[in-house]
Amino acid sequence: MGVADQLQIDVRRESDRIVIALEGELDMANAPALQAAIEQADVDGKPMLVLDMQELQFIDSTGLRVVLWARERCQEADREFAMTPGSEQVKRLLAVSGAGEHIRIIASADDMLV
């Protein structure tokens, strides 16, 4: 399986948010592709960015670093940031690293933030 096959990135632009859906594995080999997708999506100036991790099976520390970078970038631009939960491995990494305490988790990419 090639790097391109390991992670699929789908960017959806909605009226109030950009949803970046991830499927597969987010690791050192393909984290730059996610970062590039976030940078390209940023030009729309939507008030919210949601990373949809529901189909993400694996994330390593490099992938987590990109997620935290995206959150920080949103904060600096006064935008909302949220993500949906992924597999048990994704949830475990968020818990063990403590990052889950600093990221807003929503049930689905369509949920409203309060």
C-alpha atoms as a PDB file:
ATOM      1  CA  MET A   1       0.000   0.000   0.000  1.00  0.00           C
ATOM      2  CA  GLY A   2       1.432   3.388  -0.978  1.00  0.00           C
ATOM      3  CA  VAL A   3       1.414   6.497   1.170  1.00  0.00           C
ATOM      4  CA  ALA A   4      -1.468   7.972  -0.843  1.00  0.00           C
ATOM      5  CA  ASP A   5      -3.539   4.885  -0.052  1.00  0.00           C
ATOM      6  CA  GLN A   6      -2.909   5.108   3.683  1.00  0.00           C
ATOM      7  CA  LEU A   7      -4.749   8.389   4.219  1.00  0.00           C
ATOM      8  CA  GLN A   8      -7.639   9.830   2.309  1.00  0.00           C
ATOM      9  CA  ILE A   9      -8.502  13.478   2.887  1.00  0.00           C
ATOM     10  CA  ASP A  10     -11.882  14.879   1.879  1.00  0.00           C
ATOM     11  CA  VAL A  11     -12.480  18.634   2.265  1.00  0.00           C
ATOM     12  CA  ARG A  12     -16.096  19.768   2.457  1.00  0.00           C
ATOM     13  CA  ARG A  13     -17.044  23.435   2.539  1.00  0.00           C
ATOM     14  CA  GLU A  14     -20.320  24.201   4.257  1.00  0.00           C
ATOM     15  CA  SER A  15     -21.992  27.508   5.022  1.00  0.00           C
ATOM     16  CA  ASP A  16     -20.552  27.800   8.531  1.00  0.00           C
ATOM     17  CA  ARG A  17     -17.568  25.431   8.525  1.00  0.00           C
ATOM     18  CA  ILE A  18     -14.937  23.526   6.691  1.00  0.00           C
ATOM     19  CA  VAL A  19     -14.971  19.799   7.392  1.00  0.00           C
ATOM     20  CA  ILE A  20     -11.830  17.817   6.686  1.00  0.00           C
ATOM     21  CA  ALA A  21     -12.681  14.117   6.824  1.00  0.00           C
ATOM     22  CA  LEU A  22      -9.822  11.665   7.311  1.00  0.00           C
ATOM     23  CA  GLU A  23      -9.894   7.987   6.467  1.00  0.00           C
ATOM     24  CA  GLY A  24      -7.097   5.499   7.068  1.00  0.00           C
ATOM     25  CA  GLU A  25      -3.855   6.232   8.889  1.00  0.00           C
ATOM     26  CA  LEU A  26      -2.361   9.602   9.816  1.00  0.00           C
ATOM     27  CA  ASP A  27       1.351   9.246  10.425  1.00  0.00           C
ATOM     28  CA  MET A  28       4.751  10.742   9.640  1.00  0.00           C
ATOM     29  CA  ALA A  29       4.518   9.744   5.977  1.00  0.00           C
ATOM     30  CA  ASN A  30       1.290  11.601   5.243  1.00  0.00           C
ATOM     31  CA  ALA A  31       0.962  14.283   7.957  1.00  0.00           C
ATOM     32  CA  PRO A  32       2.312  16.921   5.521  1.00  0.00           C
ATOM     33  CA  ALA A  33      -0.647  16.195   3.202  1.00  0.00           C
ATOM     34  CA  LEU A  34      -3.080  16.985   6.021  1.00  0.00           C
ATOM     35  CA  GLN A  35      -1.202  20.156   6.893  1.00  0.00           C
ATOM     36  CA  ALA A  36      -1.340  21.253   3.246  1.00  0.00           C
ATOM     37  CA  ALA A  37      -5.090  20.516   3.084  1.00  0.00           C
ATOM     38  CA  ILE A  38      -5.671  22.635   6.195  1.00  0.00           C
ATOM     39  CA  GLU A  39      -3.596  25.491   4.798  1.00  0.00           C
ATOM     40  CA  GLN A  40      -5.489  25.407   1.492  1.00  0.00           C
ATOM     41  CA  ALA A  41      -8.886  25.232   3.206  1.00  0.00           C
ATOM     42  CA  ASP A  42      -7.989  28.195   5.397  1.00  0.00           C
ATOM     43  CA  VAL A  43      -8.379  30.685   2.549  1.00  0.00           C
ATOM     44  CA  ASP A  44     -12.171  30.409   2.687  1.00  0.00           C
ATOM     45  CA  GLY A  45     -12.295  32.207   6.030  1.00  0.00           C
ATOM     46  CA  LYS A  46     -15.082  30.024   7.445  1.00  0.00           C
ATOM     47  CA  PRO A  47     -15.669  30.530  11.174  1.00  0.00           C
ATOM     48  CA  MET A  48     -15.110  26.854  12.049  1.00  0.00           C
ATOM     49  CA  LEU A  49     -12.802  23.978  11.157  1.00  0.00           C
ATOM     50  CA  VAL A  50     -13.840  20.410  11.970  1.00  0.00           C
ATOM     51  CA  LEU A  51     -11.514  17.442  11.604  1.00  0.00           C
ATOM     52  CA  ASP A  52     -13.739  14.435  11.077  1.00  0.00           C
ATOM     53  CA  MET A  53     -11.752  11.484  12.452  1.00  0.00           C
ATOM     54  CA  GLN A  54     -14.594   8.948  12.477  1.00  0.00           C
ATOM     55  CA  GLU A  55     -12.937   6.846   9.756  1.00  0.00           C
ATOM     56  CA  LEU A  56      -9.378   7.360  11.014  1.00  0.00           C
ATOM     57  CA  GLN A  57      -7.938   4.071  12.233  1.00  0.00           C
ATOM     58  CA  PHE A  58      -4.480   5.184  13.366  1.00  0.00           C
ATOM     59  CA  ILE A  59      -2.628   8.341  14.324  1.00  0.00           C
ATOM     60  CA  ASP A  60       0.948   8.724  15.504  1.00  0.00           C
ATOM     61  CA  SER A  61       2.652  11.600  17.314  1.00  0.00           C
ATOM     62  CA  THR A  62       3.432  13.371  14.034  1.00  0.00           C
ATOM     63  CA  GLY A  63      -0.236  13.292  13.075  1.00  0.00           C
ATOM     64  CA  LEU A  64      -1.185  14.542  16.532  1.00  0.00           C
ATOM     65  CA  ARG A  65       1.262  17.412  16.127  1.00  0.00           C
ATOM     66  CA  VAL A  66      -0.563  18.490  12.932  1.00  0.00           C
ATOM     67  CA  VAL A  67      -3.924  18.307  14.744  1.00  0.00           C
ATOM     68  CA  LEU A  68      -2.575  20.505  17.559  1.00  0.00           C
ATOM     69  CA  TRP A  69      -1.046  22.887  15.014  1.00  0.00           C
ATOM     70  CA  ALA A  70      -4.465  23.193  13.322  1.00  0.00           C
ATOM     71  CA  ARG A  71      -6.107  23.946  16.671  1.00  0.00           C
ATOM     72  CA  GLU A  72      -3.512  26.625  17.441  1.00  0.00           C
ATOM     73  CA  ARG A  73      -3.871  28.126  13.968  1.00  0.00           C
ATOM     74  CA  CYS A  74      -7.639  28.381  14.466  1.00  0.00           C
ATOM     75  CA  GLN A  75      -7.199  30.030  17.857  1.00  0.00           C
ATOM     76  CA  GLU A  76      -4.847  32.618  16.370  1.00  0.00           C
ATOM     77  CA  ALA A  77      -7.397  33.380  13.631  1.00  0.00           C
ATOM     78  CA  ASP A  78     -10.285  33.511  16.151  1.00  0.00           C
ATOM     79  CA  ARG A  79     -11.952  30.479  14.550  1.00  0.00           C
ATOM     80  CA  GLU A  80     -13.644  27.537  16.219  1.00  0.00           C
ATOM     81  CA  PHE A  81     -11.910  24.160  16.066  1.00  0.00           C
ATOM     82  CA  ALA A  82     -13.364  20.749  16.824  1.00  0.00           C
ATOM     83  CA  MET A  83     -12.857  17.144  15.904  1.00  0.00           C
ATOM     84  CA  THR A  84     -14.901  13.982  15.959  1.00  0.00           C
ATOM     85  CA  PRO A  85     -13.637  10.899  17.757  1.00  0.00           C
ATOM     86  CA  GLY A  86     -11.801   8.253  15.781  1.00  0.00           C
ATOM     87  CA  SER A  87     -10.945   4.647  16.492  1.00  0.00           C
ATOM     88  CA  GLU A  88     -10.043   3.381  19.945  1.00  0.00           C
ATOM     89  CA  GLN A  89      -6.361   3.892  19.077  1.00  0.00           C
ATOM     90  CA  VAL A  90      -7.024   7.550  18.192  1.00  0.00           C
ATOM     91  CA  LYS A  91      -8.970   8.085  21.421  1.00  0.00           C
ATOM     92  CA  ARG A  92      -6.213   6.380  23.420  1.00  0.00           C
ATOM     93  CA  LEU A  93      -3.505   8.625  21.940  1.00  0.00           C
ATOM     94  CA  LEU A  94      -5.553  11.723  22.762  1.00  0.00           C
ATOM     95  CA  ALA A  95      -6.048  10.498  26.335  1.00  0.00           C
ATOM     96  CA  VAL A  96      -2.453   9.364  26.973  1.00  0.00           C
ATOM     97  CA  SER A  97      -0.960  12.536  25.499  1.00  0.00           C
ATOM     98  CA  GLY A  98      -3.396  14.794  27.352  1.00  0.00           C
ATOM     99  CA  ALA A  99      -4.293  16.487  24.053  1.00  0.00           C
ATOM    100  CA  GLY A 100      -7.916  15.381  24.378  1.00  0.00           C
ATOM    101  CA  GLU A 101      -8.310  17.804  27.285  1.00  0.00           C
ATOM    102  CA  HIS A 102      -7.487  20.730  24.996  1.00  0.00           C
ATOM    103  CA  ILE A 103      -9.484  19.787  21.903  1.00  0.00           C
ATOM    104  CA  ARG A 104     -13.231  20.129  21.574  1.00  0.00           C
ATOM    105  CA  ILE A 105     -14.657  16.736  20.643  1.00  0.00           C
ATOM    106  CA  ILE A 106     -18.062  16.624  18.940  1.00  0.00           C
ATOM    107  CA  ALA A 107     -20.133  13.554  18.066  1.00  0.00           C
ATOM    108  CA  SER A 108     -20.361  14.291  14.346  1.00  0.00           C
ATOM    109  CA  ALA A 109     -19.023  16.849  11.877  1.00  0.00           C
ATOM    110  CA  ASP A 110     -22.490  18.385  11.607  1.00  0.00           C
ATOM    111  CA  ASP A 111     -22.928  19.071  15.335  1.00  0.00           C
ATOM    112  CA  MET A 112     -23.203  22.649  16.502  1.00  0.00           C
ATOM    113  CA  LEU A 113     -20.654  23.988  18.951  1.00  0.00           C
ATOM    114  CA  VAL A 114     -21.848  25.517  22.188  1.00  0.00           C
END
